[in-house]
Every structure is written in structure tokens, then in C-alpha cells.
């Protein structure tokens, strides 16, 4: 019985340690996710045109918001696919820019 109690306590201690590590890893992961999105911009409700320049759309919206942004500040921009076919709104415009 004494051996089982000691083993049980060791296992409980180990579980507590793993739970603490897991919580820290989740927090670190969330922080990294947020850091990765720091340059992400998403605009909704902008009409689509067949041969549109999404970089120019991002720059145009930034001017409306009085944010100084140029093409060299944008690493990539594109339209996102709609979440469902029944969505009648234009696809969101997604861009990564260093502001």
C-alpha cells in the first residue's frame, strides 16, 4: 500500500507539472498567433472587379482612413474566398502591410 501511495503521489505531481506546462504552451501559442497577425488587414464590403489591383484597393482604403501607406509597405494582398456559396457579399480583401 505504501508503495502505491508513493507512486500515486508521484503521478499526481507529474500530472500537475504537465498541466502547468500545457497552460504555458497554450499561452505562448496564442501570443505567437497574435504576433503573426500584427500586419494583417481585412476589409469587407468592397465591390469586386474582374482585373482589380488589390494592392491599390488597400492603399485607397488606407487613404480614406488617413493612414500613409504605399505599395512597398504591402507584402501581399488578395481576396478571401467566401465562407459559403450563399454569402452574397463580395469576398473580403486581405492584406499584409507594415504600417
PDB file of N, CA and C in Angstrom:
ATOM      1  N   UNK A   1       0.829  -1.203   0.000  1.00  0.00           N
ATOM      2  CA  UNK A   1       0.000   0.000   0.000  1.00  0.00           C
ATOM      3  C   UNK A   1       0.867   1.258   0.000  1.00  0.00           C
ATOM      4  N   UNK A   2       1.933   1.209   0.812  1.00  0.00           N
ATOM      5  CA  UNK A   2       2.806   2.374   0.911  1.00  0.00           C
ATOM      6  C   UNK A   2       3.427   2.691  -0.450  1.00  0.00           C
ATOM      7  N   UNK A   3       3.847   1.670  -1.170  1.00  0.00           N
ATOM      8  CA  UNK A   3       4.446   1.851  -2.497  1.00  0.00           C
ATOM      9  C   UNK A   3       3.430   2.456  -3.461  1.00  0.00           C
ATOM     10  N   UNK A   4       2.197   1.995  -3.407  1.00  0.00           N
ATOM     11  CA  UNK A   4       1.140   2.531  -4.275  1.00  0.00           C
ATOM     12  C   UNK A   4       0.844   3.983  -3.947  1.00  0.00           C
ATOM     13  N   UNK A   5       0.841   4.353  -2.682  1.00  0.00           N
ATOM     14  CA  UNK A   5       0.607   5.751  -2.282  1.00  0.00           C
ATOM     15  C   UNK A   5       1.718   6.652  -2.815  1.00  0.00           C
ATOM     16  N   UNK A   6       2.940   6.188  -2.693  1.00  0.00           N
ATOM     17  CA  UNK A   6       4.072   6.975  -3.184  1.00  0.00           C
ATOM     18  C   UNK A   6       3.988   7.126  -4.705  1.00  0.00           C
ATOM     19  N   UNK A   7       3.699   6.022  -5.376  1.00  0.00           N
ATOM     20  CA  UNK A   7       3.566   6.073  -6.833  1.00  0.00           C
ATOM     21  C   UNK A   7       2.411   6.990  -7.249  1.00  0.00           C
ATOM     22  N   UNK A   8       1.295   6.899  -6.543  1.00  0.00           N
ATOM     23  CA  UNK A   8       0.135   7.730  -6.813  1.00  0.00           C
ATOM     24  C   UNK A   8       0.499   9.217  -6.648  1.00  0.00           C
ATOM     25  N   UNK A   9       1.200   9.550  -5.583  1.00  0.00           N
ATOM     26  CA  UNK A   9       1.588  10.942  -5.346  1.00  0.00           C
ATOM     27  C   UNK A   9       2.545  11.432  -6.433  1.00  0.00           C
ATOM     28  N   UNK A  10       3.479  10.563  -6.830  1.00  0.00           N
ATOM     29  CA  UNK A  10       4.406  10.913  -7.911  1.00  0.00           C
ATOM     30  C   UNK A  10       3.642  11.194  -9.209  1.00  0.00           C
ATOM     31  N   UNK A  11       2.658  10.360  -9.500  1.00  0.00           N
ATOM     32  CA  UNK A  11       1.855  10.553 -10.714  1.00  0.00           C
ATOM     33  C   UNK A  11       1.028  11.835 -10.631  1.00  0.00           C
ATOM     34  N   UNK A  12       0.466  12.134  -9.476  1.00  0.00           N
ATOM     35  CA  UNK A  12      -0.292  13.380  -9.301  1.00  0.00           C
ATOM     36  C   UNK A  12       0.619  14.593  -9.516  1.00  0.00           C
ATOM     37  N   UNK A  13       1.820  14.523  -8.951  1.00  0.00           N
ATOM     38  CA  UNK A  13       2.781  15.618  -9.126  1.00  0.00           C
ATOM     39  C   UNK A  13       3.138  15.801 -10.605  1.00  0.00           C
ATOM     40  N   UNK A  14       3.330  14.664 -11.275  1.00  0.00           N
ATOM     41  CA  UNK A  14       3.666  14.714 -12.695  1.00  0.00           C
ATOM     42  C   UNK A  14       2.521  15.316 -13.518  1.00  0.00           C
ATOM     43  N   UNK A  15       1.296  14.946 -13.219  1.00  0.00           N
ATOM     44  CA  UNK A  15       0.126  15.490 -13.921  1.00  0.00           C
ATOM     45  C   UNK A  15       0.035  16.998 -13.692  1.00  0.00           C
ATOM     46  N   UNK A  16       0.247  17.443 -12.464  1.00  0.00           N
ATOM     47  CA  UNK A  16       0.208  18.885 -12.170  1.00  0.00           C
ATOM     48  C   UNK A  16       1.258  19.636 -12.974  1.00  0.00           C
ATOM     49  N   UNK A  17       2.455  19.057 -13.046  1.00  0.00           N
ATOM     50  CA  UNK A  17       3.532  19.674 -13.811  1.00  0.00           C
ATOM     51  C   UNK A  17       3.166  19.756 -15.292  1.00  0.00           C
ATOM     52  N   UNK A  18       2.612  18.672 -15.837  1.00  0.00           N
ATOM     53  CA  UNK A  18       2.210  18.657 -17.247  1.00  0.00           C
ATOM     54  C   UNK A  18       1.087  19.651 -17.524  1.00  0.00           C
ATOM     55  N   UNK A  19       0.141  19.786 -16.614  1.00  0.00           N
ATOM     56  CA  UNK A  19      -0.943  20.751 -16.787  1.00  0.00           C
ATOM     57  C   UNK A  19      -0.395  22.177 -16.808  1.00  0.00           C
ATOM     58  N   UNK A  20       0.562  22.464 -15.937  1.00  0.00           N
ATOM     59  CA  UNK A  20       1.172  23.798 -15.915  1.00  0.00           C
ATOM     60  C   UNK A  20       1.922  24.068 -17.220  1.00  0.00           C
ATOM     61  N   UNK A  21       2.680  23.083 -17.689  1.00  0.00           N
ATOM     62  CA  UNK A  21       3.407  23.227 -18.957  1.00  0.00           C
ATOM     63  C   UNK A  21       2.447  23.421 -20.118  1.00  0.00           C
ATOM     64  N   UNK A  22       1.359  22.668 -20.120  1.00  0.00           N
ATOM     65  CA  UNK A  22       0.364  22.784 -21.185  1.00  0.00           C
ATOM     66  C   UNK A  22      -0.258  24.181 -21.198  1.00  0.00           C
ATOM     67  N   UNK A  23      -0.579  24.684 -20.031  1.00  0.00           N
ATOM     68  CA  UNK A  23      -1.142  26.038 -19.942  1.00  0.00           C
ATOM     69  C   UNK A  23      -0.174  27.082 -20.467  1.00  0.00           C
ATOM     70  N   UNK A  24       1.099  26.942 -20.131  1.00  0.00           N
ATOM     71  CA  UNK A  24       2.117  27.878 -20.619  1.00  0.00           C
ATOM     72  C   UNK A  24       2.287  27.766 -22.126  1.00  0.00           C
ATOM     73  N   UNK A  25       2.263  26.544 -22.636  1.00  0.00           N
ATOM     74  CA  UNK A  25       2.389  26.358 -24.079  1.00  0.00           C
ATOM     75  C   UNK A  25       1.204  26.972 -24.817  1.00  0.00           C
ATOM     76  N   UNK A  26       0.003  26.850 -24.277  1.00  0.00           N
ATOM     77  CA  UNK A  26      -1.181  27.444 -24.904  1.00  0.00           C
ATOM     78  C   UNK A  26      -1.066  28.962 -24.933  1.00  0.00           C
ATOM     79  N   UNK A  27      -0.601  29.543 -23.838  1.00  0.00           N
ATOM     80  CA  UNK A  27      -0.417  30.996 -23.781  1.00  0.00           C
ATOM     81  C   UNK A  27       0.641  31.447 -24.794  1.00  0.00           C
ATOM     82  N   UNK A  28       1.746  30.714 -24.864  1.00  0.00           N
ATOM     83  CA  UNK A  28       2.798  31.041 -25.831  1.00  0.00           C
ATOM     84  C   UNK A  28       2.282  30.936 -27.264  1.00  0.00           C
ATOM     85  N   UNK A  29       1.506  29.905 -27.540  1.00  0.00           N
ATOM     86  CA  UNK A  29       0.933  29.722 -28.876  1.00  0.00           C
ATOM     87  C   UNK A  29       0.007  30.880 -29.234  1.00  0.00           C
ATOM     88  N   UNK A  30      -0.853  31.273 -28.312  1.00  0.00           N
ATOM     89  CA  UNK A  30      -1.762  32.396 -28.553  1.00  0.00           C
ATOM     90  C   UNK A  30      -0.986  33.682 -28.820  1.00  0.00           C
ATOM     91  N   UNK A  31       0.080  33.909 -28.063  1.00  0.00           N
ATOM     92  CA  UNK A  31       0.899  35.100 -28.276  1.00  0.00           C
ATOM     93  C   UNK A  31       1.558  35.086 -29.652  1.00  0.00           C
ATOM     94  N   UNK A  32       2.054  33.928 -30.064  1.00  0.00           N
ATOM     95  CA  UNK A  32       2.654  33.819 -31.392  1.00  0.00           C
ATOM     96  C   UNK A  32       1.622  34.034 -32.497  1.00  0.00           C
ATOM     97  N   UNK A  33       0.428  33.517 -32.307  1.00  0.00           N
ATOM     98  CA  UNK A  33      -0.641  33.722 -33.281  1.00  0.00           C
ATOM     99  C   UNK A  33      -0.957  35.206 -33.431  1.00  0.00           C
ATOM    100  N   UNK A  34      -1.089  35.900 -32.325  1.00  0.00           N
ATOM    101  CA  UNK A  34      -1.366  37.332 -32.356  1.00  0.00           C
ATOM    102  C   UNK A  34      -0.222  38.096 -33.015  1.00  0.00           C
ATOM    103  N   UNK A  35       1.009  37.733 -32.701  1.00  0.00           N
ATOM    104  CA  UNK A  35       2.169  38.390 -33.287  1.00  0.00           C
ATOM    105  C   UNK A  35       2.177  38.198 -34.802  1.00  0.00           C
ATOM    106  N   UNK A  36       1.820  37.010 -35.237  1.00  0.00           N
ATOM    107  CA  UNK A  36       1.781  36.728 -36.665  1.00  0.00           C
ATOM    108  C   UNK A  36       0.720  37.523 -37.407  1.00  0.00           C
ATOM    109  N   UNK A  37      -0.287  37.992 -36.708  1.00  0.00           N
ATOM    110  CA  UNK A  37      -1.376  38.760 -37.334  1.00  0.00           C
ATOM    111  C   UNK A  37      -1.190  40.269 -37.204  1.00  0.00           C
ATOM    112  N   UNK A  38      -0.068  40.703 -36.671  1.00  0.00           N
ATOM    113  CA  UNK A  38       0.115  42.121 -36.382  1.00  0.00           C
ATOM    114  C   UNK A  38       0.087  42.995 -37.634  1.00  0.00           C
ATOM    115  N   UNK A  39       0.402  42.420 -38.785  1.00  0.00           N
ATOM    116  CA  UNK A  39       0.424  43.192 -40.026  1.00  0.00           C
ATOM    117  C   UNK A  39      -0.752  42.849 -40.937  1.00  0.00           C
ATOM    118  N   UNK A  40      -1.718  42.126 -40.428  1.00  0.00           N
ATOM    119  CA  UNK A  40      -2.841  41.652 -41.235  1.00  0.00           C
ATOM    120  C   UNK A  40      -3.983  42.667 -41.217  1.00  0.00           C
ATOM    121  N   UNK A  41      -4.449  43.010 -42.388  1.00  0.00           N
ATOM    122  CA  UNK A  41      -5.597  43.900 -42.546  1.00  0.00           C
ATOM    123  C   UNK A  41      -6.682  43.138 -43.302  1.00  0.00           C
ATOM    124  N   UNK A  42      -7.911  43.348 -42.919  1.00  0.00           N
ATOM    125  CA  UNK A  42      -9.012  42.726 -43.642  1.00  0.00           C
ATOM    126  C   UNK A  42     -10.104  43.763 -43.851  1.00  0.00           C
ATOM    127  N   UNK A  43     -10.517  43.939 -45.099  1.00  0.00           N
ATOM    128  CA  UNK A  43     -11.557  44.894 -45.453  1.00  0.00           C
ATOM    129  C   UNK A  43     -12.744  44.126 -46.024  1.00  0.00           C
ATOM    130  N   UNK A  44     -13.934  44.468 -45.585  1.00  0.00           N
ATOM    131  CA  UNK A  44     -15.133  43.796 -46.066  1.00  0.00           C
ATOM    132  C   UNK A  44     -16.050  44.807 -46.733  1.00  0.00           C
ATOM    133  N   UNK A  45     -16.832  44.322 -47.684  1.00  0.00           N
ATOM    134  CA  UNK A  45     -17.836  45.152 -48.335  1.00  0.00           C
ATOM    135  C   UNK A  45     -17.330  45.923 -49.532  1.00  0.00           C
ATOM    136  N   UNK A  46     -16.087  45.693 -49.967  1.00  0.00           N
ATOM    137  CA  UNK A  46     -15.563  46.370 -51.152  1.00  0.00           C
ATOM    138  C   UNK A  46     -15.979  45.583 -52.390  1.00  0.00           C
ATOM    139  N   UNK A  47     -16.579  46.277 -53.354  1.00  0.00           N
ATOM    140  CA  UNK A  47     -17.043  45.580 -54.553  1.00  0.00           C
ATOM    141  C   UNK A  47     -15.858  45.012 -55.338  1.00  0.00           C
ATOM    142  N   UNK A  48     -16.140  43.944 -56.068  1.00  0.00           N
ATOM    143  CA  UNK A  48     -15.110  43.253 -56.857  1.00  0.00           C
ATOM    144  C   UNK A  48     -15.181  43.696 -58.303  1.00  0.00           C
ATOM    145  N   UNK A  49     -14.018  43.767 -58.919  1.00  0.00           N
ATOM    146  CA  UNK A  49     -13.924  43.981 -60.354  1.00  0.00           C
ATOM    147  C   UNK A  49     -13.030  42.892 -60.923  1.00  0.00           C
ATOM    148  N   UNK A  50     -13.235  42.538 -62.183  1.00  0.00           N
ATOM    149  CA  UNK A  50     -12.550  41.386 -62.747  1.00  0.00           C
ATOM    150  C   UNK A  50     -11.034  41.496 -62.685  1.00  0.00           C
ATOM    151  N   UNK A  51     -10.461  42.586 -63.100  1.00  0.00           N
ATOM    152  CA  UNK A  51      -8.992  42.703 -63.125  1.00  0.00           C
ATOM    153  C   UNK A  51      -8.533  43.779 -62.140  1.00  0.00           C
ATOM    154  N   UNK A  52      -9.028  43.681 -60.914  1.00  0.00           N
ATOM    155  CA  UNK A  52      -8.694  44.689 -59.905  1.00  0.00           C
ATOM    156  C   UNK A  52      -7.266  44.502 -59.385  1.00  0.00           C
ATOM    157  N   UNK A  53      -6.709  45.599 -58.913  1.00  0.00           N
ATOM    158  CA  UNK A  53      -5.397  45.581 -58.272  1.00  0.00           C
ATOM    159  C   UNK A  53      -5.656  45.702 -56.773  1.00  0.00           C
ATOM    160  N   UNK A  54      -5.532  44.577 -56.058  1.00  0.00           N
ATOM    161  CA  UNK A  54      -5.874  44.574 -54.630  1.00  0.00           C
ATOM    162  C   UNK A  54      -4.925  45.446 -53.815  1.00  0.00           C
ATOM    163  N   UNK A  55      -3.672  45.577 -54.249  1.00  0.00           N
ATOM    164  CA  UNK A  55      -2.755  46.486 -53.549  1.00  0.00           C
ATOM    165  C   UNK A  55      -3.292  47.915 -53.605  1.00  0.00           C
ATOM    166  N   UNK A  56      -3.764  48.321 -54.780  1.00  0.00           N
ATOM    167  CA  UNK A  56      -4.299  49.680 -54.926  1.00  0.00           C
ATOM    168  C   UNK A  56      -5.577  49.876 -54.105  1.00  0.00           C
ATOM    169  N   UNK A  57      -6.381  48.819 -53.979  1.00  0.00           N
ATOM    170  CA  UNK A  57      -7.568  48.911 -53.127  1.00  0.00           C
ATOM    171  C   UNK A  57      -7.168  49.125 -51.663  1.00  0.00           C
ATOM    172  N   UNK A  58      -6.161  48.396 -51.192  1.00  0.00           N
ATOM    173  CA  UNK A  58      -5.686  48.562 -49.817  1.00  0.00           C
ATOM    174  C   UNK A  58      -5.161  49.980 -49.611  1.00  0.00           C
ATOM    175  N   UNK A  59      -4.399  50.489 -50.580  1.00  0.00           N
ATOM    176  CA  UNK A  59      -3.864  51.852 -50.483  1.00  0.00           C
ATOM    177  C   UNK A  59      -5.000  52.866 -50.485  1.00  0.00           C
ATOM    178  N   UNK A  60      -6.015  52.644 -51.323  1.00  0.00           N
ATOM    179  CA  UNK A  60      -7.163  53.559 -51.367  1.00  0.00           C
ATOM    180  C   UNK A  60      -7.917  53.604 -50.052  1.00  0.00           C
ATOM    181  N   UNK A  61      -8.148  52.458 -49.453  1.00  0.00           N
ATOM    182  CA  UNK A  61      -8.840  52.415 -48.160  1.00  0.00           C
ATOM    183  C   UNK A  61      -7.986  53.082 -47.088  1.00  0.00           C
ATOM    184  N   UNK A  62      -6.690  52.856 -47.129  1.00  0.00           N
ATOM    185  CA  UNK A  62      -5.814  53.467 -46.122  1.00  0.00           C
ATOM    186  C   UNK A  62      -5.841  54.986 -46.225  1.00  0.00           C
ATOM    187  N   UNK A  63      -5.930  55.511 -47.447  1.00  0.00           N
ATOM    188  CA  UNK A  63      -6.032  56.971 -47.609  1.00  0.00           C
ATOM    189  C   UNK A  63      -7.323  57.495 -47.001  1.00  0.00           C
ATOM    190  N   UNK A  64      -8.424  56.755 -47.196  1.00  0.00           N
ATOM    191  CA  UNK A  64      -9.690  57.158 -46.593  1.00  0.00           C
ATOM    192  C   UNK A  64      -9.598  57.199 -45.067  1.00  0.00           C
ATOM    193  N   UNK A  65      -8.775  56.310 -44.521  1.00  0.00           N
ATOM    194  CA  UNK A  65      -8.586  56.246 -43.071  1.00  0.00           C
ATOM    195  C   UNK A  65      -7.462  57.170 -42.600  1.00  0.00           C
ATOM    196  N   UNK A  66      -6.905  57.923 -43.541  1.00  0.00           N
ATOM    197  CA  UNK A  66      -5.798  58.849 -43.272  1.00  0.00           C
ATOM    198  C   UNK A  66      -4.576  58.138 -42.707  1.00  0.00           C
ATOM    199  N   UNK A  67      -4.284  56.987 -43.319  1.00  0.00           N
ATOM    200  CA  UNK A  67      -3.086  56.215 -42.974  1.00  0.00           C
ATOM    201  C   UNK A  67      -2.164  56.257 -44.181  1.00  0.00           C
ATOM    202  N   UNK A  68      -0.925  56.675 -43.963  1.00  0.00           N
ATOM    203  CA  UNK A  68       0.051  56.774 -45.045  1.00  0.00           C
ATOM    204  C   UNK A  68       0.594  55.387 -45.362  1.00  0.00           C
ATOM    205  N   UNK A  69       0.227  54.860 -46.526  1.00  0.00           N
ATOM    206  CA  UNK A  69       0.616  53.516 -46.921  1.00  0.00           C
ATOM    207  C   UNK A  69       0.960  53.542 -48.401  1.00  0.00           C
ATOM    208  N   UNK A  70       2.046  52.891 -48.773  1.00  0.00           N
ATOM    209  CA  UNK A  70       2.423  52.806 -50.192  1.00  0.00           C
ATOM    210  C   UNK A  70       2.536  51.336 -50.600  1.00  0.00           C
ATOM    211  N   UNK A  71       2.703  51.115 -51.893  1.00  0.00           N
ATOM    212  CA  UNK A  71       2.783  49.738 -52.408  1.00  0.00           C
ATOM    213  C   UNK A  71       3.955  48.980 -51.798  1.00  0.00           C
ATOM    214  N   UNK A  72       5.053  49.649 -51.495  1.00  0.00           N
ATOM    215  CA  UNK A  72       6.215  48.962 -50.918  1.00  0.00           C
ATOM    216  C   UNK A  72       5.951  48.480 -49.490  1.00  0.00           C
ATOM    217  N   UNK A  73       4.916  49.032 -48.840  1.00  0.00           N
ATOM    218  CA  UNK A  73       4.559  48.615 -47.484  1.00  0.00           C
ATOM    219  C   UNK A  73       3.741  47.327 -47.470  1.00  0.00           C
ATOM    220  N   UNK A  74       3.212  46.934 -48.610  1.00  0.00           N
ATOM    221  CA  UNK A  74       2.314  45.774 -48.700  1.00  0.00           C
ATOM    222  C   UNK A  74       3.110  44.567 -49.159  1.00  0.00           C
ATOM    223  N   UNK A  75       3.127  43.526 -48.341  1.00  0.00           N
ATOM    224  CA  UNK A  75       3.836  42.312 -48.751  1.00  0.00           C
ATOM    225  C   UNK A  75       2.960  41.434 -49.644  1.00  0.00           C
ATOM    226  N   UNK A  76       1.656  41.380 -49.362  1.00  0.00           N
ATOM    227  CA  UNK A  76       0.734  40.611 -50.193  1.00  0.00           C
ATOM    228  C   UNK A  76      -0.692  41.096 -49.923  1.00  0.00           C
ATOM    229  N   UNK A  77      -1.518  41.047 -50.958  1.00  0.00           N
ATOM    230  CA  UNK A  77      -2.950  41.330 -50.787  1.00  0.00           C
ATOM    231  C   UNK A  77      -3.724  40.453 -51.758  1.00  0.00           C
ATOM    232  N   UNK A  78      -4.909  40.035 -51.333  1.00  0.00           N
ATOM    233  CA  UNK A  78      -5.730  39.157 -52.171  1.00  0.00           C
ATOM    234  C   UNK A  78      -7.142  39.111 -51.599  1.00  0.00           C
ATOM    235  N   UNK A  79      -8.038  38.585 -52.381  1.00  0.00           N
ATOM    236  CA  UNK A  79      -9.409  38.363 -51.920  1.00  0.00           C
ATOM    237  C   UNK A  79      -9.474  37.021 -51.209  1.00  0.00           C
ATOM    238  N   UNK A  80     -10.271  36.956 -50.162  1.00  0.00           N
ATOM    239  CA  UNK A  80     -10.519  35.688 -49.473  1.00  0.00           C
ATOM    240  C   UNK A  80     -11.744  35.032 -50.080  1.00  0.00           C
ATOM    241  N   UNK A  81     -11.754  33.728 -50.124  1.00  0.00           N
ATOM    242  CA  UNK A  81     -12.934  33.015 -50.606  1.00  0.00           C
ATOM    243  C   UNK A  81     -14.060  33.197 -49.611  1.00  0.00           C
ATOM    244  N   UNK A  82     -15.301  33.338 -50.101  1.00  0.00           N
ATOM    245  CA  UNK A  82     -16.418  33.463 -49.161  1.00  0.00           C
ATOM    246  C   UNK A  82     -16.578  32.191 -48.333  1.00  0.00           C
ATOM    247  N   UNK A  83     -17.054  32.352 -47.105  1.00  0.00           N
ATOM    248  CA  UNK A  83     -17.223  31.214 -46.201  1.00  0.00           C
ATOM    249  C   UNK A  83     -18.237  30.211 -46.754  1.00  0.00           C
ATOM    250  N   UNK A  84     -19.237  30.710 -47.479  1.00  0.00           N
ATOM    251  CA  UNK A  84     -20.241  29.811 -48.057  1.00  0.00           C
ATOM    252  C   UNK A  84     -20.715  30.378 -49.391  1.00  0.00           C
ATOM    253  N   UNK A  85     -21.236  29.516 -50.216  1.00  0.00           N
ATOM    254  CA  UNK A  85     -21.738  29.931 -51.520  1.00  0.00           C
ATOM    255  C   UNK A  85     -22.949  30.844 -51.400  1.00  0.00           C
ATOM    256  N   UNK A  86     -23.681  30.746 -50.293  1.00  0.00           N
ATOM    257  CA  UNK A  86     -24.890  31.557 -50.116  1.00  0.00           C
ATOM    258  C   UNK A  86     -24.579  32.980 -49.684  1.00  0.00           C
ATOM    259  N   UNK A  87     -23.324  33.264 -49.354  1.00  0.00           N
ATOM    260  CA  UNK A  87     -22.924  34.603 -48.937  1.00  0.00           C
ATOM    261  C   UNK A  87     -22.954  35.523 -50.155  1.00  0.00           C
ATOM    262  N   UNK A  88     -23.790  36.544 -50.119  1.00  0.00           N
ATOM    263  CA  UNK A  88     -23.959  37.428 -51.273  1.00  0.00           C
ATOM    264  C   UNK A  88     -23.025  38.637 -51.230  1.00  0.00           C
ATOM    265  N   UNK A  89     -22.294  38.816 -50.152  1.00  0.00           N
ATOM    266  CA  UNK A  89     -21.367  39.936 -50.065  1.00  0.00           C
ATOM    267  C   UNK A  89     -20.105  39.623 -50.869  1.00  0.00           C
ATOM    268  N   UNK A  90     -19.432  40.683 -51.351  1.00  0.00           N
ATOM    269  CA  UNK A  90     -18.169  40.428 -52.050  1.00  0.00           C
ATOM    270  C   UNK A  90     -17.148  39.808 -51.103  1.00  0.00           C
ATOM    271  N   UNK A  91     -16.225  39.012 -51.635  1.00  0.00           N
ATOM    272  CA  UNK A  91     -15.207  38.411 -50.776  1.00  0.00           C
ATOM    273  C   UNK A  91     -14.383  39.504 -50.071  1.00  0.00           C
ATOM    274  N   UNK A  92     -13.957  39.200 -48.869  1.00  0.00           N
ATOM    275  CA  UNK A  92     -13.141  40.142 -48.105  1.00  0.00           C
ATOM    276  C   UNK A  92     -11.814  40.362 -48.811  1.00  0.00           C
ATOM    277  N   UNK A  93     -11.255  41.538 -48.596  1.00  0.00           N
ATOM    278  CA  UNK A  93      -9.918  41.855 -49.103  1.00  0.00           C
ATOM    279  C   UNK A  93      -8.956  41.696 -47.942  1.00  0.00           C
ATOM    280  N   UNK A  94      -7.923  40.920 -48.148  1.00  0.00           N
ATOM    281  CA  UNK A  94      -6.969  40.575 -47.100  1.00  0.00           C
ATOM    282  C   UNK A  94      -5.603  41.072 -47.528  1.00  0.00           C
ATOM    283  N   UNK A  95      -4.927  41.815 -46.649  1.00  0.00           N
ATOM    284  CA  UNK A  95      -3.607  42.314 -46.986  1.00  0.00           C
ATOM    285  C   UNK A  95      -2.682  42.293 -45.784  1.00  0.00           C
ATOM    286  N   UNK A  96      -1.398  42.185 -46.066  1.00  0.00           N
ATOM    287  CA  UNK A  96      -0.373  42.249 -45.035  1.00  0.00           C
ATOM    288  C   UNK A  96       0.475  43.477 -45.332  1.00  0.00           C
ATOM    289  N   UNK A  97       0.487  44.403 -44.385  1.00  0.00           N
ATOM    290  CA  UNK A  97       1.225  45.638 -44.595  1.00  0.00           C
ATOM    291  C   UNK A  97       1.944  46.055 -43.336  1.00  0.00           C
ATOM    292  N   UNK A  98       3.098  46.666 -43.517  1.00  0.00           N
ATOM    293  CA  UNK A  98       3.835  47.227 -42.394  1.00  0.00           C
ATOM    294  C   UNK A  98       3.456  48.686 -42.281  1.00  0.00           C
ATOM    295  N   UNK A  99       2.672  48.995 -41.281  1.00  0.00           N
ATOM    296  CA  UNK A  99       2.166  50.354 -41.097  1.00  0.00           C
ATOM    297  C   UNK A  99       2.968  51.042 -40.030  1.00  0.00           C
TER     298      UNK A  99
END
